Amino acid sequence: MTPDEARKVLLARCEALAADETANADSRAAVALKQVNVVRPSRTYAVQHRAMAQAQDRRYALWESCVAAALARLDPGEWGWCVRCREALA
């Protein structure tokens, strides 16, 4: 894979992450349920669902930072080297 191909793949991944993040925006909203109309298991489910959505947001943020770091390494010519051991990638 060439650096230009890698850049295209990384930019596509970044766009996909942004699309997923906006598609799931309503899942992160605060849980506002009336206790009169809602039984306890439903409220528990809603709170758990919100917690899972927030965890997914943290994963998206991590992936976005990884993609941004990879894109930053493409520019100065650091493409093709392992970040951990600095060995050339095969």
C-alpha atoms as a PDB file:
ATOM      1  CA  MET A   1       0.000   0.000   0.000  1.00  0.00           C
ATOM      2  CA  THR A   2       1.340   3.406  -0.908  1.00  0.00           C
ATOM      3  CA  PRO A   3       1.108   6.450   1.356  1.00  0.00           C
ATOM      4  CA  ASP A   4      -1.579   7.945  -0.906  1.00  0.00           C
ATOM      5  CA  GLU A   5      -3.671   4.775  -0.710  1.00  0.00           C
ATOM      6  CA  ALA A   6      -3.222   4.711   3.062  1.00  0.00           C
ATOM      7  CA  ARG A   7      -4.317   8.348   3.282  1.00  0.00           C
ATOM      8  CA  LYS A   8      -7.501   7.538   1.325  1.00  0.00           C
ATOM      9  CA  VAL A   9      -8.267   4.580   3.592  1.00  0.00           C
ATOM     10  CA  LEU A  10      -7.655   6.621   6.746  1.00  0.00           C
ATOM     11  CA  LEU A  11      -9.794   9.526   5.523  1.00  0.00           C
ATOM     12  CA  ALA A  12     -12.601   7.100   4.619  1.00  0.00           C
ATOM     13  CA  ARG A  13     -12.352   5.566   8.105  1.00  0.00           C
ATOM     14  CA  CYS A  14     -12.512   9.038   9.654  1.00  0.00           C
ATOM     15  CA  GLU A  15     -15.654   9.858   7.645  1.00  0.00           C
ATOM     16  CA  ALA A  16     -17.258   6.538   8.649  1.00  0.00           C
ATOM     17  CA  LEU A  17     -16.531   7.232  12.328  1.00  0.00           C
ATOM     18  CA  ALA A  18     -18.065  10.694  12.048  1.00  0.00           C
ATOM     19  CA  ALA A  19     -21.162   9.264  10.352  1.00  0.00           C
ATOM     20  CA  ASP A  20     -21.565   6.587  13.041  1.00  0.00           C
ATOM     21  CA  GLU A  21     -21.118   9.167  15.766  1.00  0.00           C
ATOM     22  CA  THR A  22     -23.837  11.455  14.385  1.00  0.00           C
ATOM     23  CA  ALA A  23     -26.171   8.522  13.728  1.00  0.00           C
ATOM     24  CA  ASN A  24     -25.965   7.456  17.370  1.00  0.00           C
ATOM     25  CA  ALA A  25     -26.254  10.941  18.862  1.00  0.00           C
ATOM     26  CA  ASP A  26     -29.746  10.345  20.255  1.00  0.00           C
ATOM     27  CA  SER A  27     -28.524   7.378  22.313  1.00  0.00           C
ATOM     28  CA  ARG A  28     -26.370   9.684  24.439  1.00  0.00           C
ATOM     29  CA  ALA A  29     -29.236  11.891  25.531  1.00  0.00           C
ATOM     30  CA  ALA A  30     -30.091  12.078  29.202  1.00  0.00           C
ATOM     31  CA  VAL A  31     -32.605   9.548  30.411  1.00  0.00           C
ATOM     32  CA  ALA A  32     -35.766  11.355  31.483  1.00  0.00           C
ATOM     33  CA  LEU A  33     -38.503   8.938  32.373  1.00  0.00           C
ATOM     34  CA  LYS A  34     -41.615   9.496  34.461  1.00  0.00           C
ATOM     35  CA  GLN A  35     -41.685   7.013  37.279  1.00  0.00           C
ATOM     36  CA  VAL A  36     -45.473   6.838  37.150  1.00  0.00           C
ATOM     37  CA  ASN A  37     -45.545   5.490  33.600  1.00  0.00           C
ATOM     38  CA  VAL A  38     -42.361   3.459  33.555  1.00  0.00           C
ATOM     39  CA  VAL A  39     -41.603   0.306  35.467  1.00  0.00           C
ATOM     40  CA  ARG A  40     -38.212  -0.107  37.078  1.00  0.00           C
ATOM     41  CA  PRO A  41     -36.724  -2.601  34.535  1.00  0.00           C
ATOM     42  CA  SER A  42     -37.432  -0.165  31.695  1.00  0.00           C
ATOM     43  CA  ARG A  43     -35.622   2.617  33.493  1.00  0.00           C
ATOM     44  CA  THR A  44     -32.696   0.330  34.240  1.00  0.00           C
ATOM     45  CA  TYR A  45     -32.554  -0.676  30.584  1.00  0.00           C
ATOM     46  CA  ALA A  46     -32.570   2.990  29.508  1.00  0.00           C
ATOM     47  CA  VAL A  47     -29.746   3.872  31.900  1.00  0.00           C
ATOM     48  CA  GLN A  48     -27.686   0.887  30.734  1.00  0.00           C
ATOM     49  CA  HIS A  49     -28.323   1.792  27.098  1.00  0.00           C
ATOM     50  CA  ARG A  50     -27.079   5.331  27.733  1.00  0.00           C
ATOM     51  CA  ALA A  51     -23.965   4.018  29.498  1.00  0.00           C
ATOM     52  CA  MET A  52     -23.192   1.747  26.543  1.00  0.00           C
ATOM     53  CA  ALA A  53     -23.618   4.665  24.130  1.00  0.00           C
ATOM     54  CA  GLN A  54     -21.219   6.767  26.195  1.00  0.00           C
ATOM     55  CA  ALA A  55     -18.676   3.941  26.181  1.00  0.00           C
ATOM     56  CA  GLN A  56     -19.061   3.740  22.403  1.00  0.00           C
ATOM     57  CA  ASP A  57     -18.336   7.483  22.235  1.00  0.00           C
ATOM     58  CA  ARG A  58     -15.099   6.940  24.119  1.00  0.00           C
ATOM     59  CA  ARG A  59     -14.134   4.209  21.645  1.00  0.00           C
ATOM     60  CA  TYR A  60     -14.943   6.543  18.724  1.00  0.00           C
ATOM     61  CA  ALA A  61     -12.758   9.248  20.259  1.00  0.00           C
ATOM     62  CA  LEU A  62      -9.899   6.769  20.653  1.00  0.00           C
ATOM     63  CA  TRP A  63     -10.230   5.603  17.041  1.00  0.00           C
ATOM     64  CA  GLU A  64     -10.391   9.192  15.806  1.00  0.00           C
ATOM     65  CA  SER A  65      -7.194  10.060  17.663  1.00  0.00           C
ATOM     66  CA  CYS A  66      -5.480   6.961  16.243  1.00  0.00           C
ATOM     67  CA  VAL A  67      -6.533   7.880  12.702  1.00  0.00           C
ATOM     68  CA  ALA A  68      -5.403  11.484  13.215  1.00  0.00           C
ATOM     69  CA  ALA A  69      -2.022  10.281  14.497  1.00  0.00           C
ATOM     70  CA  ALA A  70      -1.643   7.949  11.517  1.00  0.00           C
ATOM     71  CA  LEU A  71      -2.461  10.782   9.125  1.00  0.00           C
ATOM     72  CA  ALA A  72       0.072  12.994  10.899  1.00  0.00           C
ATOM     73  CA  ARG A  73       2.756  10.331  10.450  1.00  0.00           C
ATOM     74  CA  LEU A  74       2.103  10.206   6.702  1.00  0.00           C
ATOM     75  CA  ASP A  75       3.072  13.844   6.179  1.00  0.00           C
ATOM     76  CA  PRO A  76       6.653  13.929   7.524  1.00  0.00           C
ATOM     77  CA  GLY A  77       7.577  10.656   5.791  1.00  0.00           C
ATOM     78  CA  GLU A  78       7.264   8.331   8.760  1.00  0.00           C
ATOM     79  CA  TRP A  79       5.129   5.958   6.693  1.00  0.00           C
ATOM     80  CA  GLY A  80       6.172   2.311   6.831  1.00  0.00           C
ATOM     81  CA  TRP A  81       7.728   2.242  10.293  1.00  0.00           C
ATOM     82  CA  CYS A  82       6.397   0.553  13.426  1.00  0.00           C
ATOM     83  CA  VAL A  83       5.493   3.090  16.104  1.00  0.00           C
ATOM     84  CA  ARG A  84       6.542   0.805  18.948  1.00  0.00           C
ATOM     85  CA  CYS A  85       9.803  -0.773  17.780  1.00  0.00           C
ATOM     86  CA  ARG A  86      10.749   1.576  14.877  1.00  0.00           C
ATOM     87  CA  GLU A  87      11.298  -1.424  12.558  1.00  0.00           C
ATOM     88  CA  ALA A  88      10.350  -1.198   8.896  1.00  0.00           C
ATOM     89  CA  LEU A  89       6.956  -2.699   8.098  1.00  0.00           C
ATOM     90  CA  ALA A  90       6.917  -5.530   5.605  1.00  0.00           C
END
